[in-house]
């Protein structure tokens, strides 16, 4: 992701955590995150995204595929990015 979308600015340092790290803080496990993303109205608007999500339960791999592929429209890419950003900000609030 680039800085041009106004959301993500790369940092020099990153923290890598294992699966479930945020669970103790009200965060989602990967399967829960997938379900929350899948239920969002922005995803329902794009049958191709829904189909791909149903075929690939790994939302992180799907996100990479969508952003790096020319098979998806700019609107699909923007919508998936927006949904993940919103869900990530509000984790545990569902």
C-alpha atoms as a PDB file:
ATOM      1  CA  UNK A   1       0.000   0.000   0.000  1.00  0.00           C
ATOM      2  CA  UNK A   2       1.319   3.436  -0.754  1.00  0.00           C
ATOM      3  CA  UNK A   3       1.109   6.750   0.947  1.00  0.00           C
ATOM      4  CA  UNK A   4      -0.923   8.120  -1.978  1.00  0.00           C
ATOM      5  CA  UNK A   5      -4.205   6.786  -0.601  1.00  0.00           C
ATOM      6  CA  UNK A   6      -3.789   8.928   2.511  1.00  0.00           C
ATOM      7  CA  UNK A   7      -4.056   6.067   4.960  1.00  0.00           C
ATOM      8  CA  UNK A   8      -0.820   4.192   5.319  1.00  0.00           C
ATOM      9  CA  UNK A   9       2.606   5.642   5.871  1.00  0.00           C
ATOM     10  CA  UNK A  10       5.397   3.074   6.121  1.00  0.00           C
ATOM     11  CA  UNK A  11       7.471   3.092   9.290  1.00  0.00           C
ATOM     12  CA  UNK A  12      11.051   2.012   9.815  1.00  0.00           C
ATOM     13  CA  UNK A  13      10.056  -0.312  12.642  1.00  0.00           C
ATOM     14  CA  UNK A  14       7.381  -2.969  12.697  1.00  0.00           C
ATOM     15  CA  UNK A  15       6.114  -5.358  15.337  1.00  0.00           C
ATOM     16  CA  UNK A  16       5.356  -8.906  14.236  1.00  0.00           C
ATOM     17  CA  UNK A  17       2.939 -10.798  16.444  1.00  0.00           C
ATOM     18  CA  UNK A  18       1.564 -14.284  16.378  1.00  0.00           C
ATOM     19  CA  UNK A  19      -1.974 -15.322  15.592  1.00  0.00           C
ATOM     20  CA  UNK A  20      -4.387 -14.310  18.310  1.00  0.00           C
ATOM     21  CA  UNK A  21      -2.130 -11.635  19.809  1.00  0.00           C
ATOM     22  CA  UNK A  22      -4.912  -9.044  19.989  1.00  0.00           C
ATOM     23  CA  UNK A  23      -7.490 -11.558  21.267  1.00  0.00           C
ATOM     24  CA  UNK A  24      -6.770 -10.572  24.882  1.00  0.00           C
ATOM     25  CA  UNK A  25      -7.490  -6.963  23.934  1.00  0.00           C
ATOM     26  CA  UNK A  26     -10.868  -7.681  22.338  1.00  0.00           C
ATOM     27  CA  UNK A  27      -9.487  -8.361  18.873  1.00  0.00           C
ATOM     28  CA  UNK A  28     -10.616 -10.907  16.342  1.00  0.00           C
ATOM     29  CA  UNK A  29      -9.110 -14.226  15.411  1.00  0.00           C
ATOM     30  CA  UNK A  30      -8.527 -14.585  11.662  1.00  0.00           C
ATOM     31  CA  UNK A  31     -11.753 -16.532  11.088  1.00  0.00           C
ATOM     32  CA  UNK A  32     -13.751 -13.921  12.999  1.00  0.00           C
ATOM     33  CA  UNK A  33     -12.102 -11.111  11.050  1.00  0.00           C
ATOM     34  CA  UNK A  34     -12.993 -12.866   7.791  1.00  0.00           C
ATOM     35  CA  UNK A  35     -16.642 -13.115   8.873  1.00  0.00           C
ATOM     36  CA  UNK A  36     -16.852  -9.459   9.894  1.00  0.00           C
ATOM     37  CA  UNK A  37     -15.313  -8.361   6.585  1.00  0.00           C
ATOM     38  CA  UNK A  38     -17.603 -10.652   4.605  1.00  0.00           C
ATOM     39  CA  UNK A  39     -20.743  -9.209   6.254  1.00  0.00           C
ATOM     40  CA  UNK A  40     -19.941  -5.602   5.338  1.00  0.00           C
ATOM     41  CA  UNK A  41     -22.245  -3.857   2.815  1.00  0.00           C
ATOM     42  CA  UNK A  42     -19.249  -2.827   0.690  1.00  0.00           C
ATOM     43  CA  UNK A  43     -18.414  -6.483   0.095  1.00  0.00           C
ATOM     44  CA  UNK A  44     -22.018  -7.400  -0.700  1.00  0.00           C
ATOM     45  CA  UNK A  45     -21.979  -4.801  -3.500  1.00  0.00           C
ATOM     46  CA  UNK A  46     -19.271  -6.676  -5.375  1.00  0.00           C
ATOM     47  CA  UNK A  47     -20.205 -10.261  -6.302  1.00  0.00           C
ATOM     48  CA  UNK A  48     -16.661 -10.958  -7.474  1.00  0.00           C
ATOM     49  CA  UNK A  49     -15.224 -10.063  -4.057  1.00  0.00           C
ATOM     50  CA  UNK A  50     -17.865 -12.176  -2.297  1.00  0.00           C
ATOM     51  CA  UNK A  51     -17.129 -15.128  -4.559  1.00  0.00           C
ATOM     52  CA  UNK A  52     -13.399 -14.847  -3.983  1.00  0.00           C
ATOM     53  CA  UNK A  53     -13.888 -14.564  -0.218  1.00  0.00           C
ATOM     54  CA  UNK A  54     -16.001 -17.724  -0.232  1.00  0.00           C
ATOM     55  CA  UNK A  55     -13.320 -19.550  -2.200  1.00  0.00           C
ATOM     56  CA  UNK A  56     -10.459 -18.242  -0.079  1.00  0.00           C
ATOM     57  CA  UNK A  57     -11.022 -18.016   3.653  1.00  0.00           C
ATOM     58  CA  UNK A  58      -7.665 -16.306   4.169  1.00  0.00           C
ATOM     59  CA  UNK A  59      -8.618 -12.637   3.979  1.00  0.00           C
ATOM     60  CA  UNK A  60      -4.980 -11.513   4.156  1.00  0.00           C
ATOM     61  CA  UNK A  61      -4.001 -13.548   1.090  1.00  0.00           C
ATOM     62  CA  UNK A  62      -7.131 -12.362  -0.698  1.00  0.00           C
ATOM     63  CA  UNK A  63      -6.306  -8.752   0.138  1.00  0.00           C
ATOM     64  CA  UNK A  64      -2.834  -9.160  -1.342  1.00  0.00           C
ATOM     65  CA  UNK A  65      -4.288 -10.808  -4.444  1.00  0.00           C
ATOM     66  CA  UNK A  66      -6.922  -8.104  -4.944  1.00  0.00           C
ATOM     67  CA  UNK A  67      -4.447  -5.245  -4.586  1.00  0.00           C
ATOM     68  CA  UNK A  68      -1.790  -6.787  -6.809  1.00  0.00           C
ATOM     69  CA  UNK A  69      -4.094  -8.099  -9.542  1.00  0.00           C
ATOM     70  CA  UNK A  70      -5.499  -6.257 -12.516  1.00  0.00           C
ATOM     71  CA  UNK A  71      -8.535  -8.567 -12.413  1.00  0.00           C
ATOM     72  CA  UNK A  72     -10.220  -6.311  -9.864  1.00  0.00           C
ATOM     73  CA  UNK A  73     -11.601  -2.842 -10.408  1.00  0.00           C
ATOM     74  CA  UNK A  74     -10.329   0.211  -8.591  1.00  0.00           C
ATOM     75  CA  UNK A  75     -13.681   0.334  -6.774  1.00  0.00           C
ATOM     76  CA  UNK A  76     -13.296  -3.260  -5.578  1.00  0.00           C
ATOM     77  CA  UNK A  77      -9.775  -2.546  -4.362  1.00  0.00           C
ATOM     78  CA  UNK A  78     -10.849   0.629  -2.603  1.00  0.00           C
ATOM     79  CA  UNK A  79     -13.868  -1.035  -0.994  1.00  0.00           C
ATOM     80  CA  UNK A  80     -11.908  -3.994   0.343  1.00  0.00           C
ATOM     81  CA  UNK A  81      -9.201  -1.681   1.698  1.00  0.00           C
ATOM     82  CA  UNK A  82     -11.824   0.543   3.312  1.00  0.00           C
ATOM     83  CA  UNK A  83     -13.631  -2.395   4.932  1.00  0.00           C
ATOM     84  CA  UNK A  84     -10.430  -3.861   6.355  1.00  0.00           C
ATOM     85  CA  UNK A  85      -9.391  -0.465   7.664  1.00  0.00           C
ATOM     86  CA  UNK A  86     -12.767   0.133   9.358  1.00  0.00           C
ATOM     87  CA  UNK A  87     -12.957  -3.359  10.832  1.00  0.00           C
ATOM     88  CA  UNK A  88      -9.360  -3.122  12.077  1.00  0.00           C
ATOM     89  CA  UNK A  89     -10.036   0.207  13.780  1.00  0.00           C
ATOM     90  CA  UNK A  90     -13.167  -1.099  15.447  1.00  0.00           C
ATOM     91  CA  UNK A  91     -11.939  -4.561  16.345  1.00  0.00           C
ATOM     92  CA  UNK A  92     -13.733  -6.026  19.297  1.00  0.00           C
ATOM     93  CA  UNK A  93     -16.656  -3.624  18.958  1.00  0.00           C
ATOM     94  CA  UNK A  94     -18.884  -6.076  17.088  1.00  0.00           C
END
